[in-house]
Every structure is written in C-alpha cells, then in structure tokens.
N, C-alpha and C. Protein backbone atom coordinates (compact mmCIF):
# COMPACT_ATOMS: atom_id res chain seq x y z
N MET A 1 17.13 48.78 66.57
CA MET A 1 17.59 47.72 67.47
C MET A 1 17.45 46.39 66.75
N ASN A 2 18.54 45.86 66.30
CA ASN A 2 18.46 44.58 65.62
C ASN A 2 19.50 43.59 66.12
N HIS A 3 20.23 43.94 67.17
CA HIS A 3 21.22 43.04 67.74
C HIS A 3 20.57 42.31 68.92
N SER A 4 20.17 41.08 68.69
CA SER A 4 19.52 40.28 69.73
C SER A 4 20.56 39.73 70.70
N VAL A 5 20.22 39.74 71.98
CA VAL A 5 21.11 39.22 73.02
C VAL A 5 20.31 38.25 73.87
N GLN A 6 20.80 37.02 74.00
CA GLN A 6 20.15 36.03 74.85
C GLN A 6 20.73 36.12 76.25
N ILE A 7 19.84 36.15 77.24
CA ILE A 7 20.24 36.21 78.64
C ILE A 7 19.99 34.85 79.27
N LYS A 8 20.99 34.35 79.99
CA LYS A 8 20.85 33.05 80.69
C LYS A 8 21.21 33.24 82.16
N ALA A 9 20.24 32.99 83.01
CA ALA A 9 20.47 32.99 84.45
C ALA A 9 20.76 31.56 84.88
N LEU A 10 21.84 31.40 85.63
CA LEU A 10 22.26 30.09 86.10
C LEU A 10 22.21 30.05 87.62
N LYS A 11 22.15 28.87 88.15
CA LYS A 11 22.32 28.66 89.58
C LYS A 11 23.72 28.11 89.81
N HIS A 12 24.15 28.12 91.06
CA HIS A 12 25.47 27.63 91.45
C HIS A 12 25.72 26.27 90.80
N GLY A 13 26.90 26.09 90.24
CA GLY A 13 27.22 24.86 89.52
C GLY A 13 26.88 24.99 88.04
N ASP A 14 26.57 26.21 87.59
CA ASP A 14 26.24 26.50 86.20
C ASP A 14 25.00 25.75 85.71
N LEU A 15 24.02 25.56 86.59
CA LEU A 15 22.77 24.92 86.21
C LEU A 15 21.85 25.97 85.61
N LEU A 16 21.34 25.71 84.40
CA LEU A 16 20.47 26.67 83.72
C LEU A 16 19.18 26.86 84.52
N HIS A 17 18.90 28.10 84.88
CA HIS A 17 17.73 28.45 85.70
C HIS A 17 16.62 29.02 84.83
N TYR A 18 16.88 30.12 84.13
CA TYR A 18 15.92 30.66 83.17
C TYR A 18 16.65 31.47 82.11
N GLU A 19 15.95 31.75 80.99
CA GLU A 19 16.56 32.50 79.90
C GLU A 19 15.49 33.25 79.12
N TRP A 20 15.93 34.33 78.44
CA TRP A 20 15.04 35.14 77.63
C TRP A 20 15.87 35.92 76.61
N ASN A 21 15.20 36.47 75.61
CA ASN A 21 15.87 37.24 74.57
C ASN A 21 15.60 38.73 74.75
N THR A 22 16.62 39.53 74.42
CA THR A 22 16.54 40.98 74.55
C THR A 22 17.19 41.62 73.33
N ASP A 23 17.17 42.95 73.28
CA ASP A 23 17.83 43.71 72.23
C ASP A 23 18.89 44.60 72.86
N LEU A 24 20.07 44.64 72.27
CA LEU A 24 21.15 45.48 72.77
C LEU A 24 20.78 46.95 72.66
N LEU A 25 20.96 47.70 73.75
CA LEU A 25 20.76 49.14 73.75
C LEU A 25 22.07 49.90 73.77
N GLU A 26 22.99 49.46 74.66
CA GLU A 26 24.23 50.20 74.85
C GLU A 26 25.29 49.29 75.44
N GLU A 27 26.53 49.45 74.96
CA GLU A 27 27.68 48.73 75.50
C GLU A 27 28.66 49.75 76.05
N GLY A 28 29.28 49.39 77.17
CA GLY A 28 30.33 50.22 77.75
C GLY A 28 31.48 49.36 78.20
N ASP A 29 32.36 49.93 78.98
CA ASP A 29 33.52 49.20 79.49
C ASP A 29 33.08 48.19 80.54
N GLY A 30 32.85 46.95 80.12
CA GLY A 30 32.48 45.89 81.05
C GLY A 30 31.01 45.84 81.40
N TYR A 31 30.16 46.50 80.64
CA TYR A 31 28.72 46.43 80.93
C TYR A 31 27.91 46.56 79.65
N VAL A 32 26.67 46.11 79.71
CA VAL A 32 25.71 46.32 78.63
C VAL A 32 24.35 46.66 79.23
N PHE A 33 23.59 47.41 78.45
CA PHE A 33 22.17 47.62 78.72
C PHE A 33 21.42 46.97 77.58
N VAL A 34 20.35 46.27 77.91
CA VAL A 34 19.50 45.64 76.89
C VAL A 34 18.05 46.04 77.15
N LEU A 35 17.24 45.85 76.10
CA LEU A 35 15.81 46.12 76.18
C LEU A 35 15.07 44.81 76.16
N GLY A 36 14.26 44.58 77.19
CA GLY A 36 13.35 43.45 77.20
C GLY A 36 12.04 43.92 76.58
N ARG A 37 11.63 43.27 75.50
CA ARG A 37 10.43 43.69 74.78
C ARG A 37 9.15 43.25 75.47
N TYR A 38 8.13 44.06 75.30
CA TYR A 38 6.79 43.72 75.78
C TYR A 38 6.37 42.41 75.13
N GLY A 39 5.85 41.48 75.93
CA GLY A 39 5.37 40.20 75.41
C GLY A 39 6.44 39.15 75.22
N ARG A 40 7.67 39.41 75.69
CA ARG A 40 8.74 38.43 75.52
C ARG A 40 8.43 37.17 76.33
N LYS A 41 9.02 36.07 75.90
CA LYS A 41 8.85 34.78 76.57
C LYS A 41 10.06 34.52 77.46
N LEU A 42 9.80 34.15 78.69
CA LEU A 42 10.85 33.77 79.63
C LEU A 42 10.74 32.27 79.86
N GLN A 43 11.76 31.54 79.44
CA GLN A 43 11.80 30.09 79.62
C GLN A 43 12.39 29.82 81.00
N HIS A 44 11.55 29.34 81.92
CA HIS A 44 11.97 29.09 83.30
C HIS A 44 12.23 27.59 83.44
N HIS A 45 13.50 27.20 83.36
CA HIS A 45 13.86 25.79 83.36
C HIS A 45 13.61 25.14 84.71
N THR A 46 13.84 25.86 85.80
CA THR A 46 13.64 25.29 87.13
C THR A 46 12.17 24.95 87.36
N LYS A 47 11.28 25.85 86.90
CA LYS A 47 9.84 25.63 87.07
C LYS A 47 9.21 24.89 85.90
N LYS A 48 10.03 24.58 84.88
CA LYS A 48 9.55 23.88 83.68
C LYS A 48 8.33 24.56 83.09
N SER A 49 8.43 25.91 82.93
CA SER A 49 7.34 26.72 82.39
C SER A 49 7.88 27.83 81.51
N VAL A 50 7.00 28.35 80.68
CA VAL A 50 7.30 29.52 79.87
C VAL A 50 6.34 30.61 80.31
N PHE A 51 6.88 31.78 80.64
CA PHE A 51 6.08 32.91 81.08
C PHE A 51 6.13 34.01 80.03
N THR A 52 5.01 34.70 79.85
CA THR A 52 4.96 35.88 78.99
C THR A 52 5.09 37.10 79.88
N VAL A 53 6.05 37.96 79.57
CA VAL A 53 6.32 39.16 80.37
C VAL A 53 5.66 40.35 79.67
N ASN A 54 4.62 40.89 80.26
CA ASN A 54 3.84 41.94 79.64
C ASN A 54 4.23 43.33 80.13
N ASN A 55 5.50 43.62 80.04
CA ASN A 55 6.01 44.98 80.23
C ASN A 55 7.35 45.09 79.51
N TRP A 56 7.76 46.31 79.24
CA TRP A 56 9.09 46.58 78.72
C TRP A 56 10.05 46.58 79.90
N SER A 57 11.33 46.37 79.64
CA SER A 57 12.32 46.51 80.70
C SER A 57 13.64 47.01 80.13
N ILE A 58 14.31 47.81 80.94
CA ILE A 58 15.69 48.20 80.67
C ILE A 58 16.52 47.37 81.64
N GLU A 59 17.49 46.61 81.12
CA GLU A 59 18.24 45.67 81.94
C GLU A 59 19.73 45.96 81.84
N PHE A 60 20.42 45.82 82.96
CA PHE A 60 21.85 46.11 83.08
C PHE A 60 22.58 44.85 83.50
N PHE A 61 23.68 44.55 82.80
CA PHE A 61 24.55 43.42 83.13
C PHE A 61 25.98 43.90 83.10
N SER A 62 26.78 43.43 84.05
CA SER A 62 28.16 43.89 84.18
C SER A 62 29.10 42.72 84.38
N SER A 63 30.25 42.83 83.74
CA SER A 63 31.30 41.82 83.95
C SER A 63 32.21 42.20 85.12
N LYS A 64 31.91 43.33 85.77
CA LYS A 64 32.71 43.82 86.89
C LYS A 64 31.97 43.81 88.22
N HIS A 65 30.66 43.94 88.18
CA HIS A 65 29.86 44.06 89.39
C HIS A 65 29.06 42.80 89.67
N TRP A 66 28.76 42.59 90.94
CA TRP A 66 28.04 41.41 91.39
C TRP A 66 26.53 41.66 91.46
N PHE A 67 25.98 42.33 90.46
CA PHE A 67 24.53 42.53 90.44
C PHE A 67 24.06 42.76 89.01
N THR A 68 22.78 42.51 88.80
CA THR A 68 22.08 42.90 87.57
C THR A 68 20.97 43.84 87.99
N VAL A 69 20.43 44.58 87.01
CA VAL A 69 19.29 45.44 87.26
C VAL A 69 18.29 45.23 86.15
N SER A 70 17.03 45.08 86.53
CA SER A 70 15.94 45.07 85.56
C SER A 70 14.94 46.12 86.02
N ALA A 71 14.73 47.13 85.18
CA ALA A 71 13.75 48.18 85.48
C ALA A 71 12.52 47.93 84.62
N ALA A 72 11.42 47.54 85.26
CA ALA A 72 10.17 47.27 84.54
C ALA A 72 9.50 48.59 84.21
N VAL A 73 9.17 48.76 82.93
CA VAL A 73 8.57 50.01 82.46
C VAL A 73 7.12 49.72 82.06
N VAL A 74 6.21 50.43 82.72
CA VAL A 74 4.78 50.31 82.45
C VAL A 74 4.22 51.71 82.26
N ASP A 75 3.49 51.91 81.17
CA ASP A 75 2.89 53.22 80.87
C ASP A 75 3.92 54.35 80.91
N GLY A 76 5.12 54.06 80.39
CA GLY A 76 6.15 55.09 80.28
C GLY A 76 6.88 55.42 81.56
N ARG A 77 6.66 54.63 82.61
CA ARG A 77 7.32 54.87 83.90
C ARG A 77 7.92 53.58 84.44
N ILE A 78 8.98 53.74 85.23
CA ILE A 78 9.55 52.57 85.91
C ILE A 78 8.66 52.28 87.10
N ASN A 79 8.09 51.06 87.12
CA ASN A 79 7.24 50.72 88.26
C ASN A 79 7.89 49.72 89.20
N GLU A 80 9.07 49.21 88.83
CA GLU A 80 9.79 48.29 89.72
C GLU A 80 11.23 48.18 89.25
N TYR A 81 12.15 48.15 90.22
CA TYR A 81 13.53 47.77 89.97
C TYR A 81 13.73 46.41 90.62
N TYR A 82 14.38 45.50 89.92
CA TYR A 82 14.66 44.16 90.45
C TYR A 82 16.14 43.89 90.21
N CYS A 83 16.89 43.76 91.29
CA CYS A 83 18.34 43.56 91.20
C CYS A 83 18.71 42.20 91.78
N ASN A 84 19.34 41.37 90.97
CA ASN A 84 19.87 40.10 91.43
C ASN A 84 21.27 40.32 91.99
N ILE A 85 21.60 39.59 93.03
CA ILE A 85 22.99 39.50 93.47
C ILE A 85 23.55 38.24 92.81
N ASN A 86 24.63 38.42 92.06
CA ASN A 86 25.17 37.32 91.26
C ASN A 86 26.64 37.54 90.97
N GLN A 87 27.28 36.49 90.52
CA GLN A 87 28.66 36.65 90.06
C GLN A 87 28.66 37.60 88.88
N PRO A 88 29.75 38.32 88.66
CA PRO A 88 29.81 39.17 87.47
C PRO A 88 29.43 38.38 86.21
N ALA A 89 28.69 39.04 85.34
CA ALA A 89 28.17 38.38 84.14
C ALA A 89 29.28 38.06 83.15
N LEU A 90 29.07 37.00 82.41
CA LEU A 90 29.93 36.67 81.28
C LEU A 90 29.24 37.25 80.05
N ILE A 91 29.88 38.24 79.45
CA ILE A 91 29.32 38.91 78.27
C ILE A 91 30.10 38.42 77.07
N ASN A 92 29.43 37.64 76.23
CA ASN A 92 30.10 36.98 75.12
C ASN A 92 29.29 37.19 73.84
N GLY A 93 29.49 38.33 73.19
CA GLY A 93 28.79 38.61 71.94
C GLY A 93 27.30 38.70 72.13
N SER A 94 26.57 37.76 71.57
CA SER A 94 25.11 37.78 71.63
C SER A 94 24.56 36.94 72.79
N GLU A 95 25.41 36.61 73.78
CA GLU A 95 24.93 35.87 74.94
C GLU A 95 25.54 36.45 76.21
N ILE A 96 24.69 36.58 77.21
CA ILE A 96 25.11 37.02 78.55
C ILE A 96 24.62 35.97 79.53
N SER A 97 25.51 35.54 80.40
CA SER A 97 25.09 34.59 81.44
C SER A 97 25.64 35.06 82.78
N PHE A 98 24.93 34.66 83.83
CA PHE A 98 25.36 35.01 85.19
C PHE A 98 24.87 33.95 86.16
N VAL A 99 25.61 33.77 87.26
CA VAL A 99 25.22 32.82 88.31
C VAL A 99 24.52 33.62 89.39
N ASP A 100 23.24 33.33 89.58
CA ASP A 100 22.36 34.03 90.51
C ASP A 100 22.52 33.43 91.91
N TYR A 101 22.78 34.31 92.89
CA TYR A 101 22.93 33.84 94.27
C TYR A 101 21.76 34.23 95.15
N ASP A 102 20.56 34.24 94.58
CA ASP A 102 19.29 34.22 95.30
C ASP A 102 18.87 35.54 95.93
N LEU A 103 19.75 36.21 96.67
CA LEU A 103 19.34 37.46 97.32
C LEU A 103 19.04 38.51 96.27
N ASP A 104 17.94 39.23 96.46
CA ASP A 104 17.53 40.25 95.51
C ASP A 104 17.21 41.53 96.25
N LEU A 105 17.53 42.65 95.62
CA LEU A 105 17.16 43.97 96.12
C LEU A 105 16.15 44.53 95.13
N VAL A 106 14.94 44.83 95.63
CA VAL A 106 13.89 45.32 94.74
C VAL A 106 13.30 46.62 95.27
N GLN A 107 12.78 47.38 94.32
CA GLN A 107 12.03 48.57 94.69
C GLN A 107 10.63 48.41 94.12
N ARG A 108 9.67 48.42 95.02
CA ARG A 108 8.26 48.33 94.65
C ARG A 108 7.52 49.40 95.44
N GLY A 109 6.69 50.14 94.76
CA GLY A 109 5.94 51.19 95.44
C GLY A 109 6.84 52.23 96.09
N GLY A 110 8.02 52.45 95.51
CA GLY A 110 8.94 53.45 96.03
C GLY A 110 9.79 52.98 97.20
N GLU A 111 9.60 51.77 97.67
CA GLU A 111 10.35 51.23 98.81
C GLU A 111 11.33 50.16 98.35
N TRP A 112 12.59 50.30 98.79
CA TRP A 112 13.60 49.28 98.52
C TRP A 112 13.57 48.23 99.62
N MET A 113 13.68 46.95 99.22
CA MET A 113 13.68 45.85 100.20
C MET A 113 14.50 44.68 99.68
N VAL A 114 15.04 43.92 100.61
CA VAL A 114 15.76 42.69 100.29
C VAL A 114 14.74 41.56 100.33
N ILE A 115 14.75 40.73 99.29
CA ILE A 115 13.85 39.57 99.27
C ILE A 115 14.64 38.30 99.02
N ASP A 116 13.99 37.19 99.23
CA ASP A 116 14.51 35.84 98.98
C ASP A 116 15.62 35.42 99.93
N GLU A 117 15.58 35.94 101.17
CA GLU A 117 16.52 35.48 102.21
C GLU A 117 16.36 33.98 102.43
N ASP A 118 15.12 33.49 102.41
CA ASP A 118 14.86 32.07 102.63
C ASP A 118 15.44 31.22 101.49
N GLU A 119 15.33 31.71 100.27
CA GLU A 119 15.90 30.99 99.12
C GLU A 119 17.43 30.94 99.23
N PHE A 120 18.04 32.03 99.66
CA PHE A 120 19.49 32.07 99.85
C PHE A 120 19.91 31.03 100.89
N ALA A 121 19.20 30.99 102.01
CA ALA A 121 19.53 30.02 103.07
C ALA A 121 19.35 28.59 102.58
N ASP A 122 18.25 28.32 101.89
CA ASP A 122 17.99 26.97 101.38
C ASP A 122 19.04 26.55 100.35
N ASN A 123 19.36 27.45 99.43
CA ASN A 123 20.31 27.10 98.37
C ASN A 123 21.75 27.04 98.88
N ALA A 124 22.04 27.75 99.95
CA ALA A 124 23.37 27.64 100.56
C ALA A 124 23.62 26.21 100.99
N ILE A 125 22.58 25.57 101.51
CA ILE A 125 22.68 24.16 101.91
C ILE A 125 22.63 23.25 100.68
N LYS A 126 21.62 23.47 99.83
CA LYS A 126 21.42 22.62 98.65
C LYS A 126 22.65 22.58 97.74
N PHE A 127 23.25 23.76 97.48
CA PHE A 127 24.37 23.84 96.55
C PHE A 127 25.73 23.89 97.25
N GLY A 128 25.74 23.90 98.58
CA GLY A 128 26.99 23.89 99.32
C GLY A 128 27.80 25.16 99.17
N TYR A 129 27.13 26.33 99.29
CA TYR A 129 27.87 27.59 99.23
C TYR A 129 28.92 27.61 100.34
N SER A 130 30.10 28.06 99.99
CA SER A 130 31.16 28.17 101.00
C SER A 130 30.88 29.36 101.91
N GLU A 131 31.51 29.38 103.07
CA GLU A 131 31.37 30.52 103.99
C GLU A 131 31.87 31.80 103.30
N GLN A 132 32.98 31.68 102.55
CA GLN A 132 33.51 32.84 101.83
C GLN A 132 32.53 33.37 100.80
N LEU A 133 31.87 32.47 100.06
CA LEU A 133 30.89 32.89 99.07
C LEU A 133 29.71 33.58 99.74
N MET A 134 29.22 33.02 100.83
CA MET A 134 28.08 33.63 101.54
C MET A 134 28.45 35.02 102.05
N LYS A 135 29.67 35.17 102.55
CA LYS A 135 30.14 36.47 103.01
C LYS A 135 30.23 37.44 101.84
N GLN A 136 30.76 36.99 100.72
CA GLN A 136 30.89 37.83 99.52
C GLN A 136 29.50 38.31 99.05
N VAL A 137 28.53 37.41 99.01
CA VAL A 137 27.18 37.76 98.57
C VAL A 137 26.59 38.84 99.49
N ARG A 138 26.75 38.69 100.79
CA ARG A 138 26.24 39.69 101.74
C ARG A 138 26.95 41.04 101.55
N GLU A 139 28.26 41.00 101.35
CA GLU A 139 29.01 42.25 101.12
C GLU A 139 28.57 42.93 99.82
N GLU A 140 28.33 42.14 98.79
CA GLU A 140 27.89 42.70 97.51
C GLU A 140 26.50 43.31 97.62
N LEU A 141 25.63 42.68 98.40
CA LEU A 141 24.30 43.24 98.64
C LEU A 141 24.42 44.60 99.35
N ALA A 142 25.25 44.67 100.37
CA ALA A 142 25.45 45.94 101.09
C ALA A 142 26.02 47.00 100.16
N GLY A 143 26.95 46.61 99.30
CA GLY A 143 27.52 47.56 98.34
C GLY A 143 26.48 48.06 97.35
N LEU A 144 25.59 47.18 96.91
CA LEU A 144 24.53 47.58 96.01
C LEU A 144 23.57 48.54 96.69
N GLN A 145 23.24 48.27 97.95
CA GLN A 145 22.36 49.18 98.69
C GLN A 145 22.99 50.58 98.79
N THR A 146 24.28 50.64 99.03
CA THR A 146 24.98 51.93 99.08
C THR A 146 24.94 52.61 97.72
N ARG A 147 25.19 51.86 96.66
CA ARG A 147 25.17 52.39 95.29
C ARG A 147 23.80 53.02 94.98
N VAL A 148 22.73 52.33 95.36
CA VAL A 148 21.38 52.86 95.14
C VAL A 148 21.17 54.14 95.94
N ALA A 149 21.51 54.09 97.23
CA ALA A 149 21.30 55.25 98.12
C ALA A 149 22.07 56.48 97.64
N GLU A 150 23.26 56.26 97.08
CA GLU A 150 24.10 57.37 96.63
C GLU A 150 23.91 57.71 95.15
N ARG A 151 22.93 57.04 94.52
CA ARG A 151 22.59 57.28 93.11
C ARG A 151 23.83 57.16 92.20
N GLN A 152 24.59 56.08 92.44
CA GLN A 152 25.75 55.79 91.60
C GLN A 152 25.31 54.96 90.39
N PHE A 153 26.11 55.00 89.33
CA PHE A 153 25.84 54.25 88.11
C PHE A 153 25.50 52.80 88.43
N PRO A 154 24.47 52.26 87.85
CA PRO A 154 23.57 52.76 86.82
C PRO A 154 22.32 53.46 87.37
N PHE A 155 22.31 53.76 88.66
CA PHE A 155 21.16 54.40 89.31
C PHE A 155 21.26 55.92 89.31
N ASP A 156 22.06 56.45 88.41
CA ASP A 156 22.34 57.88 88.34
C ASP A 156 21.53 58.60 87.27
N GLY A 157 20.47 57.98 86.78
CA GLY A 157 19.66 58.54 85.70
C GLY A 157 19.91 57.87 84.36
N THR A 158 20.89 56.99 84.31
CA THR A 158 21.22 56.31 83.05
C THR A 158 20.05 55.46 82.56
N ILE A 159 19.43 54.71 83.45
CA ILE A 159 18.31 53.85 83.06
C ILE A 159 17.16 54.70 82.54
N GLU A 160 16.87 55.79 83.22
CA GLU A 160 15.79 56.68 82.79
C GLU A 160 16.09 57.27 81.41
N ARG A 161 17.35 57.61 81.16
CA ARG A 161 17.75 58.13 79.85
C ARG A 161 17.47 57.10 78.75
N LEU A 162 17.75 55.84 79.04
CA LEU A 162 17.57 54.79 78.04
C LEU A 162 16.09 54.48 77.76
N MET A 163 15.20 54.91 78.63
CA MET A 163 13.77 54.69 78.39
C MET A 163 13.31 55.35 77.09
N ALA A 164 14.01 56.39 76.65
CA ALA A 164 13.66 57.05 75.39
C ALA A 164 13.83 56.12 74.20
N ARG A 165 14.54 55.01 74.38
CA ARG A 165 14.80 54.05 73.29
C ARG A 165 13.70 52.99 73.18
N ILE A 166 12.73 53.03 74.09
CA ILE A 166 11.63 52.07 74.01
C ILE A 166 10.70 52.52 72.89
N PRO A 167 10.36 51.60 71.97
CA PRO A 167 9.44 51.97 70.90
C PRO A 167 8.10 52.47 71.46
N ASP A 168 7.39 53.21 70.64
CA ASP A 168 6.09 53.77 71.04
C ASP A 168 5.24 52.69 71.70
N GLN A 169 5.00 52.85 72.98
CA GLN A 169 4.28 51.84 73.72
C GLN A 169 2.81 51.72 73.32
N GLN A 170 2.20 52.80 72.89
CA GLN A 170 0.80 52.72 72.48
C GLN A 170 0.61 51.78 71.30
N ALA A 171 1.60 51.78 70.39
CA ALA A 171 1.51 50.93 69.20
C ALA A 171 1.91 49.49 69.48
N ASN A 172 2.46 49.22 70.66
CA ASN A 172 3.00 47.89 70.95
C ASN A 172 2.29 47.16 72.08
N VAL A 173 1.14 47.64 72.50
CA VAL A 173 0.43 46.97 73.58
C VAL A 173 -0.20 45.70 73.01
N ALA A 174 0.19 44.59 73.54
CA ALA A 174 -0.30 43.30 73.05
C ALA A 174 -1.64 42.98 73.70
N ASN A 175 -2.35 42.07 73.08
CA ASN A 175 -3.61 41.60 73.66
C ASN A 175 -3.28 40.80 74.91
N PRO A 176 -4.14 40.91 75.92
CA PRO A 176 -3.88 40.12 77.14
C PRO A 176 -3.82 38.64 76.83
N THR A 177 -2.92 37.95 77.52
CA THR A 177 -2.84 36.49 77.33
C THR A 177 -3.79 35.80 78.28
N VAL A 178 -4.24 34.64 77.87
CA VAL A 178 -5.20 33.89 78.69
C VAL A 178 -4.47 32.90 79.55
C-alpha cells in the first residue's frame, strides 16, 4: 500500500471541516475503499485541533451514493461502523472530498442508531439548508438504513474481506499518547 489518499470532509458551502490521510485499498466503478492507519492524525479545522486516531479503519467513499462508511477495527474486529450522510464524494486521484450533512448512522455494541439530529437541525438554520436538501438527506438516511438491514454493498461482507489487508496489528500497536 503506497498510494496515499487525502480525505477532506466539508460542511455546506464547501467549508473545510476536517481531513486525514489514508492508503488506497480498492477502486471500483464510482467508489473507493481506503485504509486509515493506526495512529493517524485527524486535523479538525472546526475544532482547531489535531486528534490521534488509535485504531485501524476500513473506509468507503462513493461518487454515486450519499453516504460514507468508516469501520473501526480494534483487535482484529470491527467494533464500530460510522456512516456520514453526505453529498456523493468527489474522487479526484489522491484526494477525496465530500460535503457532510450532519446526520450519522452508527453501530456501537451491535446496535444501529441515528445520531446528531440536533447538529442537523442547528446547521440547517446556520447554513440555510433548503427544504429540498433536508428532504433529500432524510431520504438518503432511510435508504442507508435499508441497505444495512438488507446487507447490500458495502455491508455485504466486502468490508470484512478487506480487513485481511490490514498489516499485522501486533507489530503496529503504538505507544499510548498522553
């Protein structure tokens, strides 16, 4: 894995929200999977902070679908799925960007739940989301929930298959950060 891909999450109006670097795992028709390395730095522009992410992740971005997927891998298992609802990603060589529309579908402890409803409501006012956009975001969330329930791509075992591409985790455990 030597093809680095920079990910940029934007807010409505193309405002840079956060960004991080990954490694390309797989490209398909209108989608990519990348590997987020253990210990990667996430530059959070909105919070004016840099965070260290101490887990591996398999991440999915699509130029056709209104969602992303990040599967956090800890001790060789997926311990969380985090899906953003967003405009289809712009995949441009070594850079991927997407406009995040706040609503997220996550799985923690085996339970799927929608989070950040309050952020969606606040940003709808702050950024002036149109009624059509708000309707689209809700429809895309419902479609994603159906996709998960029916185990449709990429929730069809593809992410689990790609976990075999994570380097030996025992050799890559970093020292805890202070």
